[in-house]
Structures are given as structure tokens and as C-alpha cells.
Amino acid sequence: MKAKPQVSCIVPAYNAAAYLKQALNSALAQSRVPMQLIVVDDGSTDATADIAGQFGGNVEIISQPNCGPAAARNSGLAAARGEFIAFLDADDLWCKDKLERQLAAFSENPALELCAAHIQNFREDLEPVGEPVPGYNTEMLIRRSLIDRLGPFTTGPQHAATLEWMLRARESKSVELLLPETLSFRRLHQKNMSSLGANQSLKEHLQVLHASLKRRRSN
């Protein structure tokens, strides 16, 4: 029987040909293995699937009609076999020791369910933008049992699905840790979802925050 990977990394990808190779290389360069690496091609019309295919057996590819990043993450979760789940956006990068550092934190605290870290924004010329900030997206490593307990990402909001899931985690009193290290890098470019839909993003984030406050008050 094939051994279960310790970490499953899910990469939602929509028309990500320009950056996907760099993102996957940063995942495969991790100092801590084994790892199941899943690319969910979310209805791309460019060479995203071809680039993922260049990695051969190192990458599992799931193809689906365009449904948005939350649905792509959920498709990856359905195929994930790891005890721990990580997410990597197709235009972002990981530090080489990201998983090693986070898995060490889980080893030090068996009750830990979610480990986040800091992220550094950078421009396409590789110049850093601002100071590192706490990150709860590409930066997280999550125990699979927490995801099973809370359920998958909601597919309604396209911009705030991760925040909605994190708020449910907080409401459930999940055991979290934020590492002080910068372990991920977020690429800023003209096609970022947050840039293309800034107004809708703000609206969705306010909606999920309001819904969380209502749940907390009712409890």
C-alpha cells in the first residue's frame, strides 16, 4: 500500500501560465518531504494545464470548469490524502523551509490545529513592498482533522472565502499559532483578483464579518 503523504499542497490555478512554474518549483524545493502536490486547473484558457503537466508524476492535475478559487480548493481537498493541508496560490512562492518550520511547530504542540506565518509582498521585479505581515492564506498549514470538523470553503464569495473559513475556525476555538518568520511571498501584479475586483472584495469581506458577528452574538 502506498504511504499516505504527510502534507497535501493544493494549488488553485486559473490562467496562471505566467507564474505557475515558479510556484510549483518553490513547493517542490521544500526541505521537508513527502508531499502530495495537487494543481486544480479551474477552467483555464491558457497553457496552465500544459505547464502543470511538465512536472510529470510530481504533480497531480485536476481539471474542472471555471468555478472560482474556493471551489477549486474544495476539489483539491476531495483528492488530498495528507494529514496536513497547505494551499499555494499559483502566483505566490514559498520559502524553502516553510513546511519544515511549520511541521516542527505541530510536533512541539500536538494540540495545534492551524499554523500561520508572515508573508512578504513583492512586485514582478522581485522588489519587496512594505514590511512582512501576518498571513492566513498561502501561509497556513492546517491539520486535516480541523478541515473535516469545520467543512470546506464556502463557494458563495469569490474574494472572502478564506476569511469566512478562518472566522468559523476562530468561532470553533481552533488551536492556532502565528509564527514570527516570513515563510511566503505574495506577488503583486495587475491581474491579482484583489486588484481586479477591489470593490466586490471589500463588500464580501464586510458581509462575512457581519455574518460572523451575528453568529457570535446568537451564541
C-alpha atoms as a PDB file:
ATOM      1  CA  MET A   1       0.000   0.000   0.000  1.00  0.00           C
ATOM      2  CA  LYS A   2       1.283   3.447  -0.939  1.00  0.00           C
ATOM      3  CA  ALA A   3       2.263   5.528   2.104  1.00  0.00           C
ATOM      4  CA  LYS A   4      -0.011   8.452   2.880  1.00  0.00           C
ATOM      5  CA  PRO A   5       1.713  11.789   2.205  1.00  0.00           C
ATOM      6  CA  GLN A   6       2.240  13.852   5.307  1.00  0.00           C
ATOM      7  CA  VAL A   7       1.321  17.119   3.568  1.00  0.00           C
ATOM      8  CA  SER A   8      -1.045  17.743   0.673  1.00  0.00           C
ATOM      9  CA  CYS A   9      -0.490  21.063  -1.095  1.00  0.00           C
ATOM     10  CA  ILE A  10      -3.398  22.383  -3.193  1.00  0.00           C
ATOM     11  CA  VAL A  11      -2.722  24.945  -5.928  1.00  0.00           C
ATOM     12  CA  PRO A  12      -5.848  26.533  -7.486  1.00  0.00           C
ATOM     13  CA  ALA A  13      -4.872  27.798 -10.929  1.00  0.00           C
ATOM     14  CA  TYR A  14      -6.855  29.900 -13.401  1.00  0.00           C
ATOM     15  CA  ASN A  15      -4.965  31.255 -16.421  1.00  0.00           C
ATOM     16  CA  ALA A  16      -1.810  31.058 -14.321  1.00  0.00           C
ATOM     17  CA  ALA A  17       0.685  30.131 -17.051  1.00  0.00           C
ATOM     18  CA  ALA A  18       2.861  33.179 -16.391  1.00  0.00           C
ATOM     19  CA  TYR A  19       3.698  32.205 -12.807  1.00  0.00           C
ATOM     20  CA  LEU A  20       2.675  28.596 -12.153  1.00  0.00           C
ATOM     21  CA  LYS A  21       6.075  27.049 -12.856  1.00  0.00           C
ATOM     22  CA  GLN A  22       7.780  29.261 -10.280  1.00  0.00           C
ATOM     23  CA  ALA A  23       5.103  28.500  -7.684  1.00  0.00           C
ATOM     24  CA  LEU A  24       5.369  24.728  -8.188  1.00  0.00           C
ATOM     25  CA  ASN A  25       9.156  24.822  -8.115  1.00  0.00           C
ATOM     26  CA  SER A  26       9.010  26.601  -4.756  1.00  0.00           C
ATOM     27  CA  ALA A  27       6.750  23.840  -3.420  1.00  0.00           C
ATOM     28  CA  LEU A  28       8.878  21.025  -4.789  1.00  0.00           C
ATOM     29  CA  ALA A  29      12.035  22.622  -3.364  1.00  0.00           C
ATOM     30  CA  GLN A  30      10.758  22.219   0.191  1.00  0.00           C
ATOM     31  CA  SER A  31      13.261  20.816   2.653  1.00  0.00           C
ATOM     32  CA  ARG A  32      10.573  18.606   4.218  1.00  0.00           C
ATOM     33  CA  VAL A  33       9.000  15.779   2.218  1.00  0.00           C
ATOM     34  CA  PRO A  34       6.942  13.704   1.360  1.00  0.00           C
ATOM     35  CA  MET A  35       4.297  15.939  -0.139  1.00  0.00           C
ATOM     36  CA  GLN A  36       1.294  15.440  -2.411  1.00  0.00           C
ATOM     37  CA  LEU A  37       1.116  18.374  -4.827  1.00  0.00           C
ATOM     38  CA  ILE A  38      -2.263  18.975  -6.493  1.00  0.00           C
ATOM     39  CA  VAL A  39      -2.927  21.574  -9.199  1.00  0.00           C
ATOM     40  CA  VAL A  40      -6.612  22.315  -9.776  1.00  0.00           C
ATOM     41  CA  ASP A  41      -6.944  23.816 -13.257  1.00  0.00           C
ATOM     42  CA  ASP A  42     -10.074  25.919 -12.831  1.00  0.00           C
ATOM     43  CA  GLY A  43     -11.152  26.175 -16.478  1.00  0.00           C
ATOM     44  CA  SER A  44      -8.025  27.932 -17.738  1.00  0.00           C
ATOM     45  CA  THR A  45      -7.872  29.013 -21.374  1.00  0.00           C
ATOM     46  CA  ASP A  46      -4.088  29.471 -21.449  1.00  0.00           C
ATOM     47  CA  ALA A  47      -1.229  26.968 -21.028  1.00  0.00           C
ATOM     48  CA  THR A  48      -1.804  26.357 -17.308  1.00  0.00           C
ATOM     49  CA  ALA A  49      -2.549  22.634 -17.737  1.00  0.00           C
ATOM     50  CA  ASP A  50       0.430  22.134 -20.080  1.00  0.00           C
ATOM     51  CA  ILE A  51       2.810  23.734 -17.590  1.00  0.00           C
ATOM     52  CA  ALA A  52       1.489  21.616 -14.726  1.00  0.00           C
ATOM     53  CA  GLY A  53       1.873  18.561 -16.950  1.00  0.00           C
ATOM     54  CA  GLN A  54       5.578  19.297 -17.435  1.00  0.00           C
ATOM     55  CA  PHE A  55       6.158  18.221 -13.831  1.00  0.00           C
ATOM     56  CA  GLY A  56       5.091  14.665 -14.594  1.00  0.00           C
ATOM     57  CA  GLY A  57       4.340  12.451 -11.635  1.00  0.00           C
ATOM     58  CA  ASN A  58       5.391  15.122  -9.149  1.00  0.00           C
ATOM     59  CA  VAL A  59       2.090  16.931  -9.691  1.00  0.00           C
ATOM     60  CA  GLU A  60      -1.468  15.609  -9.721  1.00  0.00           C
ATOM     61  CA  ILE A  61      -3.746  17.625 -12.033  1.00  0.00           C
ATOM     62  CA  ILE A  62      -7.482  18.081 -11.594  1.00  0.00           C
ATOM     63  CA  SER A  63      -9.350  19.845 -14.409  1.00  0.00           C
ATOM     64  CA  GLN A  64     -12.756  21.429 -13.935  1.00  0.00           C
ATOM     65  CA  PRO A  65     -14.929  24.163 -15.471  1.00  0.00           C
ATOM     66  CA  ASN A  66     -14.249  27.615 -14.086  1.00  0.00           C
ATOM     67  CA  CYS A  67     -15.945  27.766 -10.672  1.00  0.00           C
ATOM     68  CA  GLY A  68     -13.687  30.119  -8.727  1.00  0.00           C
ATOM     69  CA  PRO A  69     -10.840  29.640  -6.240  1.00  0.00           C
ATOM     70  CA  ALA A  70     -12.954  28.371  -3.342  1.00  0.00           C
ATOM     71  CA  ALA A  71     -14.482  25.593  -5.444  1.00  0.00           C
ATOM     72  CA  ALA A  72     -11.003  24.769  -6.794  1.00  0.00           C
ATOM     73  CA  ARG A  73      -9.681  24.433  -3.259  1.00  0.00           C
ATOM     74  CA  ASN A  74     -12.578  22.152  -2.367  1.00  0.00           C
ATOM     75  CA  SER A  75     -11.831  19.957  -5.386  1.00  0.00           C
ATOM     76  CA  GLY A  76      -8.257  19.699  -4.186  1.00  0.00           C
ATOM     77  CA  LEU A  77      -9.430  18.800  -0.693  1.00  0.00           C
ATOM     78  CA  ALA A  78     -11.504  15.956  -2.092  1.00  0.00           C
ATOM     79  CA  ALA A  79      -8.332  14.455  -3.606  1.00  0.00           C
ATOM     80  CA  ALA A  80      -5.970  15.263  -0.726  1.00  0.00           C
ATOM     81  CA  ARG A  81      -4.593  12.352   1.275  1.00  0.00           C
ATOM     82  CA  GLY A  82      -2.317  14.176   3.698  1.00  0.00           C
ATOM     83  CA  GLU A  83      -2.620  14.565   7.436  1.00  0.00           C
ATOM     84  CA  PHE A  84      -1.837  18.256   6.878  1.00  0.00           C
ATOM     85  CA  ILE A  85      -3.201  20.603   4.200  1.00  0.00           C
ATOM     86  CA  ALA A  86      -1.421  23.578   2.653  1.00  0.00           C
ATOM     87  CA  PHE A  87      -2.586  25.993  -0.031  1.00  0.00           C
ATOM     88  CA  LEU A  88      -0.369  27.816  -2.506  1.00  0.00           C
ATOM     89  CA  ASP A  89      -1.736  30.425  -4.897  1.00  0.00           C
ATOM     90  CA  ALA A  90      -0.404  29.920  -8.417  1.00  0.00           C
ATOM     91  CA  ASP A  91       1.335  33.308  -8.451  1.00  0.00           C
ATOM     92  CA  ASP A  92       2.918  33.095  -4.977  1.00  0.00           C
ATOM     93  CA  LEU A  93       6.102  31.488  -3.627  1.00  0.00           C
ATOM     94  CA  TRP A  94       7.187  29.554  -0.532  1.00  0.00           C
ATOM     95  CA  CYS A  95      10.442  29.768   1.371  1.00  0.00           C
ATOM     96  CA  LYS A  96      12.395  26.513   1.210  1.00  0.00           C
ATOM     97  CA  ASP A  97      11.861  25.675   4.882  1.00  0.00           C
ATOM     98  CA  LYS A  98       8.197  26.701   5.143  1.00  0.00           C
ATOM     99  CA  LEU A  99       6.778  23.241   5.701  1.00  0.00           C
ATOM    100  CA  GLU A 100       9.697  22.088   7.834  1.00  0.00           C
ATOM    101  CA  ARG A 101       9.282  25.038  10.199  1.00  0.00           C
ATOM    102  CA  GLN A 102       5.520  24.621  10.448  1.00  0.00           C
ATOM    103  CA  LEU A 103       5.609  20.848  10.899  1.00  0.00           C
ATOM    104  CA  ALA A 104       8.101  21.379  13.709  1.00  0.00           C
ATOM    105  CA  ALA A 105       5.524  23.596  15.412  1.00  0.00           C
ATOM    106  CA  PHE A 106       2.928  20.820  15.162  1.00  0.00           C
ATOM    107  CA  SER A 107       5.424  18.351  16.638  1.00  0.00           C
ATOM    108  CA  GLU A 108       6.099  20.701  19.542  1.00  0.00           C
ATOM    109  CA  ASN A 109       2.368  21.106  20.257  1.00  0.00           C
ATOM    110  CA  PRO A 110       0.222  18.047  19.406  1.00  0.00           C
ATOM    111  CA  ALA A 111      -2.938  20.078  20.113  1.00  0.00           C
ATOM    112  CA  LEU A 112      -2.089  22.617  17.400  1.00  0.00           C
ATOM    113  CA  GLU A 113      -4.596  22.676  14.532  1.00  0.00           C
ATOM    114  CA  LEU A 114      -3.505  25.607  12.361  1.00  0.00           C
ATOM    115  CA  CYS A 115      -0.105  27.217  11.893  1.00  0.00           C
ATOM    116  CA  ALA A 116       0.200  30.523  10.027  1.00  0.00           C
ATOM    117  CA  ALA A 117       3.224  32.694   9.290  1.00  0.00           C
ATOM    118  CA  HIS A 118       4.173  36.088   7.885  1.00  0.00           C
ATOM    119  CA  ILE A 119       4.119  36.960   4.208  1.00  0.00           C
ATOM    120  CA  GLN A 120       6.145  39.459   2.182  1.00  0.00           C
ATOM    121  CA  ASN A 121       4.515  41.246  -0.739  1.00  0.00           C
ATOM    122  CA  PHE A 122       6.718  41.726  -3.797  1.00  0.00           C
ATOM    123  CA  ARG A 123       6.459  43.246  -7.250  1.00  0.00           C
ATOM    124  CA  GLU A 124       7.207  41.455 -10.500  1.00  0.00           C
ATOM    125  CA  ASP A 125      10.691  42.959 -10.440  1.00  0.00           C
ATOM    126  CA  LEU A 126      11.205  40.982  -7.187  1.00  0.00           C
ATOM    127  CA  GLU A 127      11.392  44.171  -5.148  1.00  0.00           C
ATOM    128  CA  PRO A 128       9.707  43.809  -1.709  1.00  0.00           C
ATOM    129  CA  VAL A 129       6.716  46.025  -0.993  1.00  0.00           C
ATOM    130  CA  GLY A 130       6.342  47.160   2.606  1.00  0.00           C
ATOM    131  CA  GLU A 131       7.064  45.017   5.642  1.00  0.00           C
ATOM    132  CA  PRO A 132       6.060  41.362   6.165  1.00  0.00           C
ATOM    133  CA  VAL A 133       2.547  40.957   7.571  1.00  0.00           C
ATOM    134  CA  PRO A 134       0.666  38.068   9.212  1.00  0.00           C
ATOM    135  CA  GLY A 135      -0.862  35.833   6.565  1.00  0.00           C
ATOM    136  CA  TYR A 136      -3.748  33.375   6.688  1.00  0.00           C
ATOM    137  CA  ASN A 137      -3.908  32.122   3.114  1.00  0.00           C
ATOM    138  CA  THR A 138      -0.879  30.744   1.280  1.00  0.00           C
ATOM    139  CA  GLU A 139       0.900  30.917   4.633  1.00  0.00           C
ATOM    140  CA  MET A 140      -1.241  28.405   6.534  1.00  0.00           C
ATOM    141  CA  LEU A 141      -0.597  24.752   7.290  1.00  0.00           C
ATOM    142  CA  ILE A 142      -3.775  23.118   8.604  1.00  0.00           C
ATOM    143  CA  ARG A 143      -4.376  19.809  10.293  1.00  0.00           C
ATOM    144  CA  ARG A 144      -6.811  17.864   8.093  1.00  0.00           C
ATOM    145  CA  SER A 145      -8.952  16.986  11.091  1.00  0.00           C
ATOM    146  CA  LEU A 146      -9.769  20.684  11.556  1.00  0.00           C
ATOM    147  CA  ILE A 147     -10.976  20.971   7.958  1.00  0.00           C
ATOM    148  CA  ASP A 148     -13.059  17.824   8.393  1.00  0.00           C
ATOM    149  CA  ARG A 149     -14.581  19.313  11.543  1.00  0.00           C
ATOM    150  CA  LEU A 150     -15.387  22.724  10.036  1.00  0.00           C
ATOM    151  CA  GLY A 151     -16.250  21.667   6.500  1.00  0.00           C
ATOM    152  CA  PRO A 152     -14.927  23.006   3.175  1.00  0.00           C
ATOM    153  CA  PHE A 153     -14.754  26.562   1.864  1.00  0.00           C
ATOM    154  CA  THR A 154     -17.991  28.316   1.064  1.00  0.00           C
ATOM    155  CA  THR A 155     -18.291  28.882  -2.682  1.00  0.00           C
ATOM    156  CA  GLY A 156     -20.504  31.970  -2.496  1.00  0.00           C
ATOM    157  CA  PRO A 157     -17.953  34.772  -2.000  1.00  0.00           C
ATOM    158  CA  GLN A 158     -15.130  34.720  -4.553  1.00  0.00           C
ATOM    159  CA  HIS A 159     -12.863  37.054  -2.579  1.00  0.00           C
ATOM    160  CA  ALA A 160     -13.655  36.334   1.072  1.00  0.00           C
ATOM    161  CA  ALA A 161     -13.982  32.544   1.216  1.00  0.00           C
ATOM    162  CA  THR A 162     -10.744  32.130   3.145  1.00  0.00           C
ATOM    163  CA  LEU A 163     -11.736  34.800   5.670  1.00  0.00           C
ATOM    164  CA  GLU A 164     -15.140  33.143   6.088  1.00  0.00           C
ATOM    165  CA  TRP A 165     -13.473  29.789   6.795  1.00  0.00           C
ATOM    166  CA  MET A 166     -10.994  31.374   9.217  1.00  0.00           C
ATOM    167  CA  LEU A 167     -13.800  33.079  11.124  1.00  0.00           C
ATOM    168  CA  ARG A 168     -15.537  29.732  11.518  1.00  0.00           C
ATOM    169  CA  ALA A 169     -12.261  28.300  12.798  1.00  0.00           C
ATOM    170  CA  ARG A 170     -11.959  31.090  15.358  1.00  0.00           C
ATOM    171  CA  GLU A 171     -15.562  30.621  16.453  1.00  0.00           C
ATOM    172  CA  SER A 172     -14.870  26.915  16.990  1.00  0.00           C
ATOM    173  CA  LYS A 173     -11.950  27.792  19.290  1.00  0.00           C
ATOM    174  CA  SER A 174      -9.392  26.179  16.976  1.00  0.00           C
ATOM    175  CA  VAL A 175      -5.853  25.974  18.354  1.00  0.00           C
ATOM    176  CA  GLU A 176      -3.738  28.361  16.252  1.00  0.00           C
ATOM    177  CA  LEU A 177      -0.177  29.617  16.110  1.00  0.00           C
ATOM    178  CA  LEU A 178       1.277  32.537  14.152  1.00  0.00           C
ATOM    179  CA  LEU A 179       4.991  32.116  13.528  1.00  0.00           C
ATOM    180  CA  PRO A 180       7.111  35.288  13.519  1.00  0.00           C
ATOM    181  CA  GLU A 181       9.067  34.140  10.445  1.00  0.00           C
ATOM    182  CA  THR A 182       8.314  35.223   6.885  1.00  0.00           C
ATOM    183  CA  LEU A 183       7.724  31.936   5.045  1.00  0.00           C
ATOM    184  CA  SER A 184       5.780  33.015   1.938  1.00  0.00           C
ATOM    185  CA  PHE A 185       5.874  35.690  -0.746  1.00  0.00           C
ATOM    186  CA  ARG A 186       2.826  37.266  -2.404  1.00  0.00           C
ATOM    187  CA  ARG A 187       3.286  38.539  -5.936  1.00  0.00           C
ATOM    188  CA  LEU A 188       1.581  41.850  -6.706  1.00  0.00           C
ATOM    189  CA  HIS A 189       0.563  42.261 -10.340  1.00  0.00           C
ATOM    190  CA  GLN A 190      -2.196  43.770 -12.449  1.00  0.00           C
ATOM    191  CA  LYS A 191      -4.221  40.542 -12.629  1.00  0.00           C
ATOM    192  CA  ASN A 192      -4.484  39.892  -8.874  1.00  0.00           C
ATOM    193  CA  MET A 193      -8.100  39.064  -8.001  1.00  0.00           C
ATOM    194  CA  SER A 194      -7.987  41.618  -5.202  1.00  0.00           C
ATOM    195  CA  SER A 195      -6.940  44.313  -7.672  1.00  0.00           C
ATOM    196  CA  LEU A 196      -9.410  43.400 -10.402  1.00  0.00           C
ATOM    197  CA  GLY A 197     -12.376  43.238  -8.040  1.00  0.00           C
ATOM    198  CA  ALA A 198     -11.438  45.591  -5.213  1.00  0.00           C
ATOM    199  CA  ASN A 199     -14.975  46.892  -4.623  1.00  0.00           C
ATOM    200  CA  GLN A 200     -16.524  43.425  -4.655  1.00  0.00           C
ATOM    201  CA  SER A 201     -13.756  42.157  -2.386  1.00  0.00           C
ATOM    202  CA  LEU A 202     -14.484  44.847   0.194  1.00  0.00           C
ATOM    203  CA  LYS A 203     -18.208  44.125   0.029  1.00  0.00           C
ATOM    204  CA  GLU A 204     -17.706  40.374   0.514  1.00  0.00           C
ATOM    205  CA  HIS A 205     -15.283  40.812   3.416  1.00  0.00           C
ATOM    206  CA  LEU A 206     -17.733  43.101   5.201  1.00  0.00           C
ATOM    207  CA  GLN A 207     -20.552  40.597   4.611  1.00  0.00           C
ATOM    208  CA  VAL A 208     -18.701  37.631   6.079  1.00  0.00           C
ATOM    209  CA  LEU A 209     -17.530  39.721   9.057  1.00  0.00           C
ATOM    210  CA  HIS A 210     -21.117  40.787   9.710  1.00  0.00           C
ATOM    211  CA  ALA A 211     -22.327  37.171   9.488  1.00  0.00           C
ATOM    212  CA  SER A 212     -19.638  36.087  11.956  1.00  0.00           C
ATOM    213  CA  LEU A 213     -20.636  38.807  14.422  1.00  0.00           C
ATOM    214  CA  LYS A 214     -24.263  37.692  14.206  1.00  0.00           C
ATOM    215  CA  ARG A 215     -23.284  34.083  14.920  1.00  0.00           C
ATOM    216  CA  ARG A 216     -21.157  35.118  17.907  1.00  0.00           C
ATOM    217  CA  ARG A 217     -23.965  37.241  19.367  1.00  0.00           C
ATOM    218  CA  SER A 218     -26.519  34.467  18.951  1.00  0.00           C
ATOM    219  CA  ASN A 219     -24.214  32.066  20.784  1.00  0.00           C
END
